[in-house]
Amino acid sequence: MILLLRSVPGAMAATLGQPLFWGSLALALVIAGAFAYPVNRWLIARGRGHAVIHQHHGHH
């Protein structure tokens, strides 16, 4: 995410009231999600997802 923010001119200096801040943040989150989604599906398909950990803590 930091790499994306550094690649957008002015994004690191943008304040909360500026659309550049929110646009850069939204774009970074979309890119991160695009990478995380297939990894999570792969982990869940192999029984290694987040929900598996709850079995060890007694949650159902």
PDB file of N, CA and C in Angstrom:
ATOM      1  N   MET A   1       0.827  -1.178   0.000  1.00  0.00           N
ATOM      2  CA  MET A   1       0.000   0.000   0.000  1.00  0.00           C
ATOM      3  C   MET A   1       0.874   1.245   0.000  1.00  0.00           C
ATOM      4  N   ILE A   2       1.938   1.207   0.773  1.00  0.00           N
ATOM      5  CA  ILE A   2       2.831   2.360   0.822  1.00  0.00           C
ATOM      6  C   ILE A   2       3.458   2.615  -0.552  1.00  0.00           C
ATOM      7  N   LEU A   3       3.806   1.542  -1.257  1.00  0.00           N
ATOM      8  CA  LEU A   3       4.394   1.733  -2.586  1.00  0.00           C
ATOM      9  C   LEU A   3       3.432   2.438  -3.521  1.00  0.00           C
ATOM     10  N   LEU A   4       2.161   2.080  -3.443  1.00  0.00           N
ATOM     11  CA  LEU A   4       1.175   2.743  -4.288  1.00  0.00           C
ATOM     12  C   LEU A   4       1.035   4.204  -3.894  1.00  0.00           C
ATOM     13  N   LEU A   5       0.955   4.460  -2.600  1.00  0.00           N
ATOM     14  CA  LEU A   5       0.804   5.845  -2.151  1.00  0.00           C
ATOM     15  C   LEU A   5       2.008   6.689  -2.545  1.00  0.00           C
ATOM     16  N   ARG A   6       3.178   6.094  -2.516  1.00  0.00           N
ATOM     17  CA  ARG A   6       4.373   6.842  -2.929  1.00  0.00           C
ATOM     18  C   ARG A   6       4.412   7.058  -4.431  1.00  0.00           C
ATOM     19  N   SER A   7       3.758   6.201  -5.200  1.00  0.00           N
ATOM     20  CA  SER A   7       3.783   6.349  -6.649  1.00  0.00           C
ATOM     21  C   SER A   7       2.758   7.362  -7.158  1.00  0.00           C
ATOM     22  N   VAL A   8       1.784   7.714  -6.344  1.00  0.00           N
ATOM     23  CA  VAL A   8       0.789   8.718  -6.730  1.00  0.00           C
ATOM     24  C   VAL A   8       1.296  10.084  -6.246  1.00  0.00           C
ATOM     25  N   PRO A   9       1.569  11.005  -7.154  1.00  0.00           N
ATOM     26  CA  PRO A   9       2.106  12.303  -6.754  1.00  0.00           C
ATOM     27  C   PRO A   9       1.172  13.036  -5.787  1.00  0.00           C
ATOM     28  N   GLY A  10       1.705  13.431  -4.646  1.00  0.00           N
ATOM     29  CA  GLY A  10       0.944  14.198  -3.671  1.00  0.00           C
ATOM     30  C   GLY A  10       0.124  13.365  -2.696  1.00  0.00           C
ATOM     31  N   ALA A  11       0.068  12.067  -2.877  1.00  0.00           N
ATOM     32  CA  ALA A  11      -0.780  11.229  -2.021  1.00  0.00           C
ATOM     33  C   ALA A  11      -0.280  11.195  -0.579  1.00  0.00           C
ATOM     34  N   MET A  12       1.025  11.194  -0.396  1.00  0.00           N
ATOM     35  CA  MET A  12       1.572  11.134   0.960  1.00  0.00           C
ATOM     36  C   MET A  12       1.334  12.435   1.726  1.00  0.00           C
ATOM     37  N   ALA A  13       1.166  13.535   1.027  1.00  0.00           N
ATOM     38  CA  ALA A  13       0.947  14.827   1.670  1.00  0.00           C
ATOM     39  C   ALA A  13      -0.536  15.192   1.739  1.00  0.00           C
ATOM     40  N   ALA A  14      -1.390  14.384   1.145  1.00  0.00           N
ATOM     41  CA  ALA A  14      -2.821  14.693   1.117  1.00  0.00           C
ATOM     42  C   ALA A  14      -3.409  14.583   2.519  1.00  0.00           C
ATOM     43  N   THR A  15      -4.379  15.436   2.799  1.00  0.00           N
ATOM     44  CA  THR A  15      -5.051  15.415   4.096  1.00  0.00           C
ATOM     45  C   THR A  15      -6.386  14.691   3.978  1.00  0.00           C
ATOM     46  N   LEU A  16      -7.010  14.436   5.124  1.00  0.00           N
ATOM     47  CA  LEU A  16      -8.273  13.696   5.145  1.00  0.00           C
ATOM     48  C   LEU A  16      -9.379  14.383   4.355  1.00  0.00           C
ATOM     49  N   GLY A  17      -9.291  15.662   4.183  1.00  0.00           N
ATOM     50  CA  GLY A  17     -10.333  16.395   3.464  1.00  0.00           C
ATOM     51  C   GLY A  17     -10.146  16.430   1.960  1.00  0.00           C
ATOM     52  N   GLN A  18      -9.104  15.830   1.467  1.00  0.00           N
ATOM     53  CA  GLN A  18      -8.826  15.876   0.029  1.00  0.00           C
ATOM     54  C   GLN A  18      -9.215  14.570  -0.654  1.00  0.00           C
ATOM     55  N   PRO A  19      -9.855  14.683  -1.817  1.00  0.00           N
ATOM     56  CA  PRO A  19     -10.234  13.472  -2.563  1.00  0.00           C
ATOM     57  C   PRO A  19      -9.035  12.611  -2.957  1.00  0.00           C
ATOM     58  N   LEU A  20      -7.865  13.216  -3.148  1.00  0.00           N
ATOM     59  CA  LEU A  20      -6.673  12.448  -3.506  1.00  0.00           C
ATOM     60  C   LEU A  20      -6.335  11.429  -2.418  1.00  0.00           C
ATOM     61  N   PHE A  21      -6.486  11.806  -1.167  1.00  0.00           N
ATOM     62  CA  PHE A  21      -6.225  10.880  -0.067  1.00  0.00           C
ATOM     63  C   PHE A  21      -7.152   9.679  -0.155  1.00  0.00           C
ATOM     64  N   TRP A  22      -8.443   9.938  -0.264  1.00  0.00           N
ATOM     65  CA  TRP A  22      -9.429   8.859  -0.265  1.00  0.00           C
ATOM     66  C   TRP A  22      -9.350   8.021  -1.535  1.00  0.00           C
ATOM     67  N   GLY A  23      -9.075   8.648  -2.664  1.00  0.00           N
ATOM     68  CA  GLY A  23      -8.928   7.897  -3.915  1.00  0.00           C
ATOM     69  C   GLY A  23      -7.724   6.978  -3.887  1.00  0.00           C
ATOM     70  N   SER A  24      -6.602   7.484  -3.364  1.00  0.00           N
ATOM     71  CA  SER A  24      -5.399   6.654  -3.258  1.00  0.00           C
ATOM     72  C   SER A  24      -5.622   5.496  -2.302  1.00  0.00           C
ATOM     73  N   LEU A  25      -6.284   5.783  -1.192  1.00  0.00           N
ATOM     74  CA  LEU A  25      -6.568   4.734  -0.215  1.00  0.00           C
ATOM     75  C   LEU A  25      -7.490   3.666  -0.812  1.00  0.00           C
ATOM     76  N   ALA A  26      -8.523   4.102  -1.500  1.00  0.00           N
ATOM     77  CA  ALA A  26      -9.458   3.152  -2.114  1.00  0.00           C
ATOM     78  C   ALA A  26      -8.750   2.276  -3.148  1.00  0.00           C
ATOM     79  N   LEU A  27      -7.918   2.893  -3.967  1.00  0.00           N
ATOM     80  CA  LEU A  27      -7.189   2.133  -4.985  1.00  0.00           C
ATOM     81  C   LEU A  27      -6.242   1.120  -4.338  1.00  0.00           C
ATOM     82  N   ALA A  28      -5.551   1.530  -3.292  1.00  0.00           N
ATOM     83  CA  ALA A  28      -4.637   0.627  -2.604  1.00  0.00           C
ATOM     84  C   ALA A  28      -5.390  -0.551  -1.993  1.00  0.00           C
ATOM     85  N   LEU A  29      -6.553  -0.292  -1.418  1.00  0.00           N
ATOM     86  CA  LEU A  29      -7.331  -1.379  -0.821  1.00  0.00           C
ATOM     87  C   LEU A  29      -7.878  -2.344  -1.871  1.00  0.00           C
ATOM     88  N   VAL A  30      -8.263  -1.833  -3.023  1.00  0.00           N
ATOM     89  CA  VAL A  30      -8.739  -2.701  -4.108  1.00  0.00           C
ATOM     90  C   VAL A  30      -7.608  -3.593  -4.603  1.00  0.00           C
ATOM     91  N   ILE A  31      -6.426  -3.023  -4.758  1.00  0.00           N
ATOM     92  CA  ILE A  31      -5.278  -3.812  -5.215  1.00  0.00           C
ATOM     93  C   ILE A  31      -4.908  -4.866  -4.170  1.00  0.00           C
ATOM     94  N   ALA A  32      -4.891  -4.478  -2.903  1.00  0.00           N
ATOM     95  CA  ALA A  32      -4.574  -5.436  -1.840  1.00  0.00           C
ATOM     96  C   ALA A  32      -5.604  -6.566  -1.793  1.00  0.00           C
ATOM     97  N   GLY A  33      -6.874  -6.227  -1.951  1.00  0.00           N
ATOM     98  CA  GLY A  33      -7.930  -7.242  -1.953  1.00  0.00           C
ATOM     99  C   GLY A  33      -7.800  -8.200  -3.125  1.00  0.00           C
ATOM    100  N   ALA A  34      -7.393  -7.666  -4.272  1.00  0.00           N
ATOM    101  CA  ALA A  34      -7.233  -8.511  -5.453  1.00  0.00           C
ATOM    102  C   ALA A  34      -6.144  -9.561  -5.241  1.00  0.00           C
ATOM    103  N   PHE A  35      -5.143  -9.233  -4.451  1.00  0.00           N
ATOM    104  CA  PHE A  35      -4.097 -10.205  -4.149  1.00  0.00           C
ATOM    105  C   PHE A  35      -4.496 -11.123  -3.005  1.00  0.00           C
ATOM    106  N   ALA A  36      -5.189 -10.597  -2.011  1.00  0.00           N
ATOM    107  CA  ALA A  36      -5.537 -11.382  -0.832  1.00  0.00           C
ATOM    108  C   ALA A  36      -6.632 -12.412  -1.116  1.00  0.00           C
ATOM    109  N   TYR A  37      -7.585 -12.081  -1.959  1.00  0.00           N
ATOM    110  CA  TYR A  37      -8.720 -12.973  -2.222  1.00  0.00           C
ATOM    111  C   TYR A  37      -8.288 -14.353  -2.718  1.00  0.00           C
ATOM    112  N   PRO A  38      -7.481 -14.444  -3.778  1.00  0.00           N
ATOM    113  CA  PRO A  38      -7.092 -15.785  -4.236  1.00  0.00           C
ATOM    114  C   PRO A  38      -6.231 -16.537  -3.211  1.00  0.00           C
ATOM    115  N   VAL A  39      -5.425 -15.825  -2.457  1.00  0.00           N
ATOM    116  CA  VAL A  39      -4.608 -16.488  -1.436  1.00  0.00           C
ATOM    117  C   VAL A  39      -5.515 -17.077  -0.359  1.00  0.00           C
ATOM    118  N   ASN A  40      -6.517 -16.312   0.073  1.00  0.00           N
ATOM    119  CA  ASN A  40      -7.449 -16.808   1.085  1.00  0.00           C
ATOM    120  C   ASN A  40      -8.248 -18.002   0.576  1.00  0.00           C
ATOM    121  N   ARG A  41      -8.687 -17.962  -0.674  1.00  0.00           N
ATOM    122  CA  ARG A  41      -9.417 -19.102  -1.238  1.00  0.00           C
ATOM    123  C   ARG A  41      -8.537 -20.343  -1.268  1.00  0.00           C
ATOM    124  N   TRP A  42      -7.271 -20.155  -1.627  1.00  0.00           N
ATOM    125  CA  TRP A  42      -6.332 -21.266  -1.685  1.00  0.00           C
ATOM    126  C   TRP A  42      -6.137 -21.859  -0.291  1.00  0.00           C
ATOM    127  N   LEU A  43      -5.976 -21.000   0.723  1.00  0.00           N
ATOM    128  CA  LEU A  43      -5.792 -21.482   2.092  1.00  0.00           C
ATOM    129  C   LEU A  43      -7.030 -22.219   2.594  1.00  0.00           C
ATOM    130  N   ILE A  44      -8.208 -21.676   2.345  1.00  0.00           N
ATOM    131  CA  ILE A  44      -9.448 -22.305   2.804  1.00  0.00           C
ATOM    132  C   ILE A  44      -9.651 -23.652   2.119  1.00  0.00           C
ATOM    133  N   ALA A  45      -9.340 -23.731   0.834  1.00  0.00           N
ATOM    134  CA  ALA A  45      -9.496 -24.986   0.098  1.00  0.00           C
ATOM    135  C   ALA A  45      -8.598 -26.085   0.661  1.00  0.00           C
ATOM    136  N   ARG A  46      -7.517 -25.702   1.272  1.00  0.00           N
ATOM    137  CA  ARG A  46      -6.591 -26.675   1.851  1.00  0.00           C
ATOM    138  C   ARG A  46      -6.763 -26.819   3.355  1.00  0.00           C
ATOM    139  N   GLY A  47      -7.853 -26.267   3.895  1.00  0.00           N
ATOM    140  CA  GLY A  47      -8.141 -26.391   5.311  1.00  0.00           C
ATOM    141  C   GLY A  47      -7.237 -25.566   6.206  1.00  0.00           C
ATOM    142  N   ARG A  48      -6.742 -24.460   5.702  1.00  0.00           N
ATOM    143  CA  ARG A  48      -5.810 -23.640   6.470  1.00  0.00           C
ATOM    144  C   ARG A  48      -6.313 -22.211   6.676  1.00  0.00           C
ATOM    145  N   GLY A  49      -7.584 -21.964   6.500  1.00  0.00           N
ATOM    146  CA  GLY A  49      -8.122 -20.613   6.597  1.00  0.00           C
ATOM    147  C   GLY A  49      -8.283 -20.132   8.025  1.00  0.00           C
ATOM    148  N   HIS A  50      -8.726 -18.902   8.160  1.00  0.00           N
ATOM    149  CA  HIS A  50      -8.913 -18.262   9.464  1.00  0.00           C
ATOM    150  C   HIS A  50      -9.904 -19.040  10.334  1.00  0.00           C
ATOM    151  N   ALA A  51     -10.958 -19.562   9.745  1.00  0.00           N
ATOM    152  CA  ALA A  51     -11.981 -20.272  10.515  1.00  0.00           C
ATOM    153  C   ALA A  51     -11.426 -21.532  11.176  1.00  0.00           C
ATOM    154  N   VAL A  52     -10.404 -22.125  10.608  1.00  0.00           N
ATOM    155  CA  VAL A  52      -9.814 -23.334  11.173  1.00  0.00           C
ATOM    156  C   VAL A  52      -9.227 -23.048  12.551  1.00  0.00           C
ATOM    157  N   ILE A  53      -8.687 -21.880  12.746  1.00  0.00           N
ATOM    158  CA  ILE A  53      -8.072 -21.505  14.028  1.00  0.00           C
ATOM    159  C   ILE A  53      -9.104 -21.516  15.138  1.00  0.00           C
ATOM    160  N   HIS A  54     -10.335 -21.161  14.835  1.00  0.00           N
ATOM    161  CA  HIS A  54     -11.387 -21.117  15.858  1.00  0.00           C
ATOM    162  C   HIS A  54     -11.662 -22.499  16.456  1.00  0.00           C
ATOM    163  N   GLN A  55     -11.375 -23.547  15.740  1.00  0.00           N
ATOM    164  CA  GLN A  55     -11.539 -24.898  16.275  1.00  0.00           C
ATOM    165  C   GLN A  55     -10.618 -25.117  17.477  1.00  0.00           C
ATOM    166  N   HIS A  56      -9.465 -24.535  17.424  1.00  0.00           N
ATOM    167  CA  HIS A  56      -8.481 -24.708  18.490  1.00  0.00           C
ATOM    168  C   HIS A  56      -8.837 -23.895  19.737  1.00  0.00           C
ATOM    169  N   HIS A  57      -9.716 -22.909  19.591  1.00  0.00           N
ATOM    170  CA  HIS A  57     -10.125 -22.071  20.714  1.00  0.00           C
ATOM    171  C   HIS A  57     -11.473 -22.452  21.272  1.00  0.00           C
ATOM    172  N   GLY A  58     -12.085 -23.487  20.725  1.00  0.00           N
ATOM    173  CA  GLY A  58     -13.369 -23.964  21.220  1.00  0.00           C
ATOM    174  C   GLY A  58     -14.574 -23.237  20.641  1.00  0.00           C
ATOM    175  N   HIS A  59     -14.379 -22.345  19.668  1.00  0.00           N
ATOM    176  CA  HIS A  59     -15.511 -21.669  19.032  1.00  0.00           C
ATOM    177  C   HIS A  59     -16.062 -22.528  17.906  1.00  0.00           C
ATOM    178  N   HIS A  60     -17.368 -22.405  17.686  1.00  0.00           N
ATOM    179  CA  HIS A  60     -17.975 -23.227  16.624  1.00  0.00           C
ATOM    180  C   HIS A  60     -18.571 -22.353  15.571  1.00  0.00           C
TER     181      HIS A  60
END
